[in-house]
Amino acid sequence: MSTSAVNIPAPAQGGLVIDHGALVPERGAEADRGRARRTYAAIDLGTNNCRLLVARPARDGFVIVDAFSRIVRLGEGMGATGIISPDAQNRAMDALAQCAEKLNRRNVSVARSVATEACRRATNGPDFVARVFEETGIALDVISPAEEARLAVLGCQSLLDDDDRPALIFDIGGGSTELVLLNRRIGRKVEIINWVSVPWGVVSLAETEPREHARADGRRAAYLRMQERIRDVVADFAASAKVDFSGGQLLGTSGTVTTLASLHLDLPAYDRRKVDGCIVPATAMRDISERLSSQSVSERAARACIGLERADLVVAGCAILEAILDAWPANELKVADRGIREGILRAMMVRDGHIF
């Protein structure tokens, strides 16, 4: 655990330019003329997903001009082997090749590409990063858990209510879960007062229960075991924070919370415009989680907002979410369909002199 302020980098002398992911300083008059017309990009290669956003600065933030997201399961099987498997590498390479094509087609001039828990943990992570650069030109920056937490906060902090209540932002990832406790003050910047990276995400936790039980009671028992595996570390973090969280704000960013929010809203298909920023009662999140925990993979896959790709992982995310709600009680939580990519974009644009 750690304590730090959320410091958005100050505008740099000339900013940064990129050639397929390799960052190089740029200075002088040419840099000044180019800032206004730059196109920015952020790639987030996680344990489960590969995501890309391409954007241009606007008066009140930025405008998305292209996006890409694909489930690649980079960390599949890594709990047993300690490596990124050849199949997982190939899935990620296919997705990253499409990202590289979009970077070229959109004439992206400023970008950052990051990788998180799977590449941090795998013994062959450095070899995979080298392969990515050789085959796509994308230079992956394997970031620390602290940087991952900072970028997630930068990406979604604008959704927090502007008051003096404490806030917890959590990001349920594929290989880890980041919990960030914020000290929110009206008219002042957000400050991270404590954070933790829990070494369980939807992929790593789901793989502790490798087979689906035929009976609903067996599936329920497996769900409770997953909750137990993560509950203590989340509770220990809450206890160590020594903050009165009654009335505090909860803000969740991940495929788990966006999926559950879409089910709560009874959407026929996922719609980011309706999910991002929506508020869901904590009891509703728990009720949905309880129902999903007893369903079979095929039953969950039949829901349009879950689908086959998420059906075997969403329950592990529900277990993590319930452990968080146990430790950080709140009447409701706000849902963010934004995170690391938006944090990367914001940091780069602020560094280049764009004001939000």
Protein backbone atom coordinates (compact mmCIF):
# COMPACT_ATOMS: atom_id res chain seq x y z
CA MET A 1 0.00 0.00 0.00
CA SER A 2 1.07 3.54 -0.60
CA THR A 3 0.09 7.18 -0.18
CA SER A 4 0.57 9.75 -2.92
CA ALA A 5 -1.01 12.72 -4.62
CA VAL A 6 -2.49 12.48 -8.08
CA ASN A 7 -0.10 14.71 -9.97
CA ILE A 8 -0.94 15.32 -13.61
CA PRO A 9 2.38 16.10 -15.32
CA ALA A 10 2.91 19.81 -15.93
CA PRO A 11 3.06 20.94 -19.58
CA ALA A 12 6.41 19.84 -20.94
CA GLN A 13 8.79 21.74 -23.19
CA GLY A 14 7.52 20.56 -26.55
CA GLY A 15 5.69 17.44 -25.40
CA LEU A 16 6.18 14.00 -26.89
CA VAL A 17 5.79 12.46 -30.31
CA ILE A 18 5.56 8.81 -31.18
CA ASP A 19 6.52 6.52 -34.03
CA HIS A 20 4.51 3.30 -33.55
CA GLY A 21 4.83 3.54 -29.78
CA ALA A 22 8.40 4.71 -29.26
CA LEU A 23 8.36 8.00 -27.33
CA VAL A 24 10.81 10.68 -28.44
CA PRO A 25 11.07 14.28 -27.09
CA GLU A 26 10.09 17.02 -29.54
CA ARG A 27 11.11 20.67 -29.04
CA GLY A 28 11.09 24.00 -30.80
CA ALA A 29 8.78 26.04 -33.01
CA GLU A 30 7.67 23.03 -35.04
CA ALA A 31 6.40 21.39 -31.86
CA ASP A 32 4.41 24.51 -30.94
CA ARG A 33 2.73 24.65 -34.35
CA GLY A 34 1.88 20.96 -34.26
CA ARG A 35 0.14 20.81 -30.88
CA ALA A 36 -3.22 22.10 -32.03
CA ARG A 37 -3.62 19.51 -34.79
CA ARG A 38 -2.22 16.48 -32.97
CA THR A 39 -4.11 13.22 -32.70
CA TYR A 40 -3.48 11.24 -29.51
CA ALA A 41 -3.83 7.54 -28.80
CA ALA A 42 -3.75 5.28 -25.75
CA ILE A 43 -3.43 1.48 -25.72
CA ASP A 44 -4.13 -0.55 -22.59
CA LEU A 45 -3.13 -4.22 -22.84
CA GLY A 46 -4.53 -5.92 -19.77
CA THR A 47 -4.73 -9.49 -18.56
CA ASN A 48 -8.10 -9.94 -20.26
CA ASN A 49 -8.62 -7.08 -22.73
CA CYS A 50 -6.76 -5.07 -25.34
CA ARG A 51 -8.20 -1.56 -25.68
CA LEU A 52 -7.39 1.47 -27.82
CA LEU A 53 -8.69 5.04 -27.85
CA VAL A 54 -7.76 7.67 -30.42
CA ALA A 55 -8.76 11.24 -29.60
CA ARG A 56 -8.22 14.93 -30.35
CA PRO A 57 -8.25 17.75 -27.80
CA ALA A 58 -11.46 19.77 -27.46
CA ARG A 59 -12.44 22.79 -25.41
CA ASP A 60 -13.91 20.77 -22.54
CA GLY A 61 -11.84 17.60 -22.82
CA PHE A 62 -11.27 15.45 -25.88
CA VAL A 63 -13.26 13.97 -28.73
CA ILE A 64 -12.93 10.26 -29.49
CA VAL A 65 -12.25 9.65 -33.18
CA ASP A 66 -11.61 5.89 -33.04
CA ALA A 67 -11.78 3.05 -30.54
CA PHE A 68 -11.06 -0.65 -30.35
CA SER A 69 -11.62 -3.32 -27.71
CA ARG A 70 -11.11 -7.05 -27.81
CA ILE A 71 -10.99 -9.79 -25.19
CA VAL A 72 -7.60 -11.50 -25.64
CA ARG A 73 -7.17 -13.34 -22.30
CA LEU A 74 -3.45 -12.67 -22.21
CA GLY A 75 -3.20 -14.13 -18.71
CA GLU A 76 -5.11 -17.33 -19.45
CA GLY A 77 -3.49 -20.28 -17.66
CA MET A 78 -0.70 -18.12 -16.28
CA GLY A 79 -1.52 -18.99 -12.68
CA ALA A 80 -0.40 -22.56 -13.34
CA THR A 81 2.45 -21.97 -15.79
CA GLY A 82 3.82 -18.52 -14.92
CA ILE A 83 4.10 -17.64 -18.61
CA ILE A 84 2.03 -16.02 -21.35
CA SER A 85 1.04 -18.99 -23.50
CA PRO A 86 1.66 -19.06 -27.27
CA ASP A 87 -2.10 -18.99 -27.95
CA ALA A 88 -2.58 -16.00 -25.66
CA GLN A 89 0.33 -14.20 -27.31
CA ASN A 90 -1.13 -14.80 -30.74
CA ARG A 91 -4.54 -13.48 -29.70
CA ALA A 92 -2.94 -10.34 -28.31
CA MET A 93 -0.73 -9.92 -31.39
CA ASP A 94 -3.77 -10.03 -33.67
CA ALA A 95 -5.46 -7.32 -31.60
CA LEU A 96 -2.33 -5.16 -31.39
CA ALA A 97 -1.81 -5.43 -35.15
CA GLN A 98 -5.26 -3.91 -35.59
CA CYS A 99 -4.35 -1.17 -33.12
CA ALA A 100 -1.18 -0.41 -35.09
CA GLU A 101 -3.21 -0.17 -38.30
CA LYS A 102 -5.56 2.33 -36.64
CA LEU A 103 -2.62 4.40 -35.37
CA ASN A 104 -1.32 4.68 -38.92
CA ARG A 105 -4.69 5.31 -40.52
CA ARG A 106 -5.58 8.05 -38.01
CA ASN A 107 -2.14 9.69 -38.35
CA VAL A 108 -1.56 9.48 -34.61
CA SER A 109 1.36 11.65 -33.56
CA VAL A 110 1.30 11.32 -29.75
CA ALA A 111 0.57 8.06 -27.95
CA ARG A 112 1.34 5.80 -25.05
CA SER A 113 0.90 2.03 -24.89
CA VAL A 114 0.87 0.27 -21.52
CA ALA A 115 0.67 -3.31 -20.30
CA THR A 116 -0.34 -4.36 -16.82
CA GLU A 117 -0.53 -7.43 -14.57
CA ALA A 118 -0.02 -10.27 -17.06
CA CYS A 119 3.17 -8.74 -18.45
CA ARG A 120 4.33 -7.77 -14.95
CA ARG A 121 3.92 -11.29 -13.63
CA ALA A 122 4.89 -13.54 -16.56
CA THR A 123 8.45 -14.80 -16.69
CA ASN A 124 8.37 -14.40 -20.48
CA GLY A 125 6.81 -10.94 -20.27
CA PRO A 126 9.97 -9.14 -21.55
CA ASP A 127 10.19 -11.53 -24.52
CA PHE A 128 6.55 -10.88 -25.39
CA VAL A 129 7.04 -7.10 -25.17
CA ALA A 130 10.02 -7.41 -27.53
CA ARG A 131 7.93 -9.47 -29.95
CA VAL A 132 5.17 -6.85 -29.92
CA PHE A 133 7.63 -4.11 -30.85
CA GLU A 134 9.30 -6.20 -33.54
CA GLU A 135 6.04 -7.22 -35.24
CA THR A 136 3.86 -4.13 -34.75
CA GLY A 137 6.16 -1.24 -33.82
CA ILE A 138 4.18 -0.70 -30.61
CA ALA A 139 6.48 -0.17 -27.61
CA LEU A 140 4.62 -1.47 -24.57
CA ASP A 141 5.41 0.21 -21.26
CA VAL A 142 4.91 -2.38 -18.51
CA ILE A 143 3.64 -0.10 -15.77
CA SER A 144 3.73 -0.60 -12.02
CA PRO A 145 0.58 -1.14 -9.95
CA ALA A 146 1.01 2.40 -8.60
CA GLU A 147 1.03 3.88 -12.09
CA GLU A 148 -1.94 1.72 -13.06
CA ALA A 149 -3.89 3.09 -10.10
CA ARG A 150 -2.87 6.67 -10.89
CA LEU A 151 -3.97 6.42 -14.51
CA ALA A 152 -7.31 4.87 -13.54
CA VAL A 153 -7.96 7.78 -11.20
CA LEU A 154 -7.01 10.34 -13.85
CA GLY A 155 -9.32 8.65 -16.30
CA CYS A 156 -12.50 8.66 -14.24
CA GLN A 157 -12.14 11.18 -11.41
CA SER A 158 -14.33 13.69 -13.26
CA LEU A 159 -17.32 11.45 -12.46
CA LEU A 160 -16.90 12.01 -8.71
CA ASP A 161 -19.28 14.41 -7.02
CA ASP A 162 -17.57 17.69 -6.14
CA ASP A 163 -17.84 17.56 -2.37
CA ASP A 164 -15.72 16.69 0.64
CA ARG A 165 -16.76 13.06 1.06
CA PRO A 166 -14.06 10.38 0.84
CA ALA A 167 -14.20 8.30 -2.32
CA LEU A 168 -13.03 4.85 -3.34
CA ILE A 169 -12.27 4.18 -6.99
CA PHE A 170 -11.86 0.50 -7.82
CA ASP A 171 -10.79 -1.19 -11.03
CA ILE A 172 -11.50 -4.93 -11.28
CA GLY A 173 -9.02 -6.08 -13.89
CA GLY A 174 -8.12 -9.43 -15.39
CA GLY A 175 -5.10 -10.18 -13.22
CA SER A 176 -5.40 -7.69 -10.36
CA THR A 177 -7.80 -5.29 -8.71
CA GLU A 178 -6.77 -1.75 -7.84
CA LEU A 179 -8.43 0.03 -4.90
CA VAL A 180 -7.70 3.75 -4.55
CA LEU A 181 -8.91 5.81 -1.60
CA LEU A 182 -9.27 9.50 -2.37
CA ASN A 183 -9.50 12.60 -0.26
CA ARG A 184 -11.94 14.79 -2.17
CA ARG A 185 -12.03 18.54 -1.44
CA ILE A 186 -14.19 21.13 -3.20
CA GLY A 187 -12.06 23.40 -5.38
CA ARG A 188 -8.88 21.39 -4.81
CA LYS A 189 -7.25 18.55 -6.68
CA VAL A 190 -8.05 14.98 -5.80
CA GLU A 191 -5.48 13.36 -3.54
CA ILE A 192 -4.74 9.65 -3.28
CA ILE A 193 -4.41 8.96 0.43
CA ASN A 194 -4.03 5.18 0.18
CA TRP A 195 -4.16 2.45 -2.42
CA VAL A 196 -3.61 -1.25 -2.86
CA SER A 197 -3.22 -3.63 -5.78
CA VAL A 198 -4.91 -6.93 -4.96
CA PRO A 199 -3.37 -9.84 -6.91
CA TRP A 200 -6.75 -11.21 -7.98
CA GLY A 201 -8.69 -10.28 -11.09
CA VAL A 202 -11.46 -11.94 -13.08
CA VAL A 203 -9.09 -14.25 -14.98
CA SER A 204 -6.81 -15.25 -12.10
CA LEU A 205 -9.69 -15.70 -9.65
CA ALA A 206 -11.88 -17.64 -12.11
CA GLU A 207 -9.03 -20.09 -12.72
CA THR A 208 -9.06 -21.11 -9.05
CA GLU A 209 -12.39 -22.85 -9.83
CA PRO A 210 -11.47 -24.40 -13.20
CA ARG A 211 -14.56 -26.52 -13.81
CA GLU A 212 -18.21 -25.57 -13.91
CA HIS A 213 -20.40 -27.44 -11.46
CA ALA A 214 -23.45 -29.19 -12.88
CA ARG A 215 -25.73 -28.13 -10.03
CA ALA A 216 -26.66 -24.58 -9.01
CA ASP A 217 -25.68 -25.24 -5.38
CA GLY A 218 -22.22 -26.33 -6.51
CA ARG A 219 -21.81 -23.15 -8.54
CA ARG A 220 -22.93 -21.13 -5.55
CA ALA A 221 -20.40 -22.85 -3.29
CA ALA A 222 -17.62 -22.09 -5.78
CA TYR A 223 -18.71 -18.46 -5.80
CA LEU A 224 -18.48 -18.24 -2.01
CA ARG A 225 -14.97 -19.75 -2.12
CA MET A 226 -13.88 -17.05 -4.58
CA GLN A 227 -15.25 -14.40 -2.23
CA GLU A 228 -13.25 -15.88 0.63
CA ARG A 229 -10.02 -15.76 -1.38
CA ILE A 230 -10.21 -12.00 -1.77
CA ARG A 231 -12.28 -10.84 1.20
CA ASP A 232 -9.50 -10.63 3.80
CA VAL A 233 -7.08 -8.55 1.74
CA VAL A 234 -9.84 -6.07 0.82
CA ALA A 235 -11.00 -5.89 4.43
CA ASP A 236 -7.41 -5.41 5.66
CA PHE A 237 -6.99 -2.46 3.29
CA ALA A 238 -10.21 -0.88 4.54
CA ALA A 239 -9.12 -1.33 8.16
CA SER A 240 -5.66 0.12 7.54
CA ALA A 241 -7.09 3.19 5.83
CA LYS A 242 -8.65 4.39 9.12
CA VAL A 243 -11.20 6.54 7.28
CA ASP A 244 -14.85 6.98 8.20
CA PHE A 245 -16.40 5.94 4.89
CA SER A 246 -20.03 6.30 5.95
CA GLY A 247 -21.69 8.31 3.20
CA GLY A 248 -18.59 7.97 1.02
CA GLN A 249 -18.57 7.67 -2.75
CA LEU A 250 -17.92 4.41 -4.61
CA LEU A 251 -16.85 4.59 -8.24
CA GLY A 252 -16.22 1.36 -10.15
CA THR A 253 -14.48 1.03 -13.48
CA SER A 254 -14.23 -2.35 -15.17
CA GLY A 255 -16.06 -4.78 -17.40
CA THR A 256 -17.66 -6.29 -14.31
CA VAL A 257 -19.41 -3.15 -13.11
CA THR A 258 -20.37 -1.96 -16.59
CA THR A 259 -21.85 -5.38 -17.37
CA LEU A 260 -23.83 -5.48 -14.14
CA ALA A 261 -25.02 -1.92 -14.68
CA SER A 262 -26.28 -2.83 -18.15
CA LEU A 263 -28.21 -5.75 -16.64
CA HIS A 264 -29.65 -3.46 -13.98
CA LEU A 265 -30.77 -1.03 -16.69
CA ASP A 266 -32.21 -3.99 -18.65
CA LEU A 267 -30.51 -2.89 -21.85
CA PRO A 268 -31.12 -5.03 -24.95
CA ALA A 269 -27.49 -4.41 -25.93
CA TYR A 270 -24.60 -2.67 -24.26
CA ASP A 271 -24.80 1.13 -24.59
CA ARG A 272 -21.89 3.14 -23.21
CA ARG A 273 -23.89 6.38 -23.25
CA LYS A 274 -26.38 4.94 -20.77
CA VAL A 275 -23.88 3.07 -18.60
CA ASP A 276 -21.04 5.59 -18.17
CA GLY A 277 -21.83 7.74 -15.15
CA CYS A 278 -24.98 5.86 -14.14
CA ILE A 279 -25.72 5.23 -10.46
CA VAL A 280 -26.78 1.76 -9.31
CA PRO A 281 -28.00 0.84 -5.79
CA ALA A 282 -25.54 -1.43 -4.02
CA THR A 283 -28.37 -3.83 -3.23
CA ALA A 284 -29.13 -4.15 -6.95
CA MET A 285 -25.50 -4.99 -7.69
CA ARG A 286 -25.57 -7.66 -5.00
CA ASP A 287 -28.87 -9.11 -6.22
CA ILE A 288 -27.59 -9.42 -9.80
CA SER A 289 -24.33 -10.97 -8.56
CA GLU A 290 -26.21 -13.53 -6.48
CA ARG A 291 -28.40 -14.56 -9.41
CA LEU A 292 -25.46 -14.89 -11.81
CA SER A 293 -23.47 -16.97 -9.31
CA SER A 294 -25.99 -19.81 -9.49
CA GLN A 295 -26.45 -19.76 -13.27
CA SER A 296 -24.55 -21.93 -15.74
CA VAL A 297 -22.14 -20.45 -18.28
CA SER A 298 -24.69 -21.04 -21.04
CA GLU A 299 -27.41 -19.26 -19.07
CA ARG A 300 -25.17 -16.25 -18.50
CA ALA A 301 -23.99 -16.25 -22.12
CA ALA A 302 -27.61 -15.94 -23.27
CA ARG A 303 -27.75 -12.44 -21.81
CA ALA A 304 -26.90 -9.96 -24.58
CA CYS A 305 -24.88 -7.71 -22.28
CA ILE A 306 -22.72 -10.63 -21.13
CA GLY A 307 -22.25 -12.88 -24.15
CA LEU A 308 -20.07 -15.95 -24.52
CA GLU A 309 -16.72 -14.15 -24.10
CA ARG A 310 -17.55 -12.86 -20.60
CA ALA A 311 -19.86 -15.61 -19.38
CA ASP A 312 -17.20 -17.67 -17.60
CA LEU A 313 -15.45 -14.64 -16.02
CA VAL A 314 -18.23 -12.34 -14.86
CA VAL A 315 -18.95 -14.36 -11.71
CA ALA A 316 -15.36 -13.95 -10.50
CA GLY A 317 -15.82 -10.21 -10.99
CA CYS A 318 -19.04 -10.37 -8.98
CA ALA A 319 -17.18 -12.08 -6.12
CA ILE A 320 -14.59 -9.30 -6.09
CA LEU A 321 -17.30 -6.65 -6.22
CA GLU A 322 -19.19 -8.15 -3.27
CA ALA A 323 -15.98 -8.28 -1.23
CA ILE A 324 -15.48 -4.57 -1.95
CA LEU A 325 -19.07 -3.76 -0.97
CA ASP A 326 -18.60 -5.72 2.27
CA ALA A 327 -15.51 -3.71 3.21
CA TRP A 328 -16.63 -0.32 1.87
CA PRO A 329 -20.36 -0.07 2.62
CA ALA A 330 -22.29 2.43 0.52
CA ASN A 331 -25.89 2.77 -0.56
CA GLU A 332 -24.99 3.13 -4.21
CA LEU A 333 -22.09 3.12 -6.62
CA LYS A 334 -21.38 5.10 -9.73
CA VAL A 335 -20.24 3.23 -12.83
CA ALA A 336 -17.46 4.42 -15.14
CA ASP A 337 -16.93 3.14 -18.65
CA ARG A 338 -13.57 4.84 -18.70
CA GLY A 339 -10.24 4.32 -16.99
CA ILE A 340 -6.58 3.81 -17.90
CA ARG A 341 -6.89 4.84 -21.56
CA GLU A 342 -8.66 8.07 -20.67
CA GLY A 343 -6.08 8.72 -17.96
CA ILE A 344 -3.26 8.31 -20.47
CA LEU A 345 -4.94 10.67 -22.94
CA ARG A 346 -5.63 13.27 -20.28
CA ALA A 347 -2.05 13.21 -18.95
CA MET A 348 -0.52 13.57 -22.42
CA MET A 349 -2.83 16.41 -23.42
CA VAL A 350 -2.29 18.31 -20.18
CA ARG A 351 1.45 17.90 -20.62
CA ASP A 352 1.11 19.43 -24.07
CA GLY A 353 -0.66 22.48 -22.69
CA HIS A 354 -4.32 21.57 -23.19
CA ILE A 355 -6.45 22.67 -20.23
CA PHE A 356 -9.36 20.62 -18.87
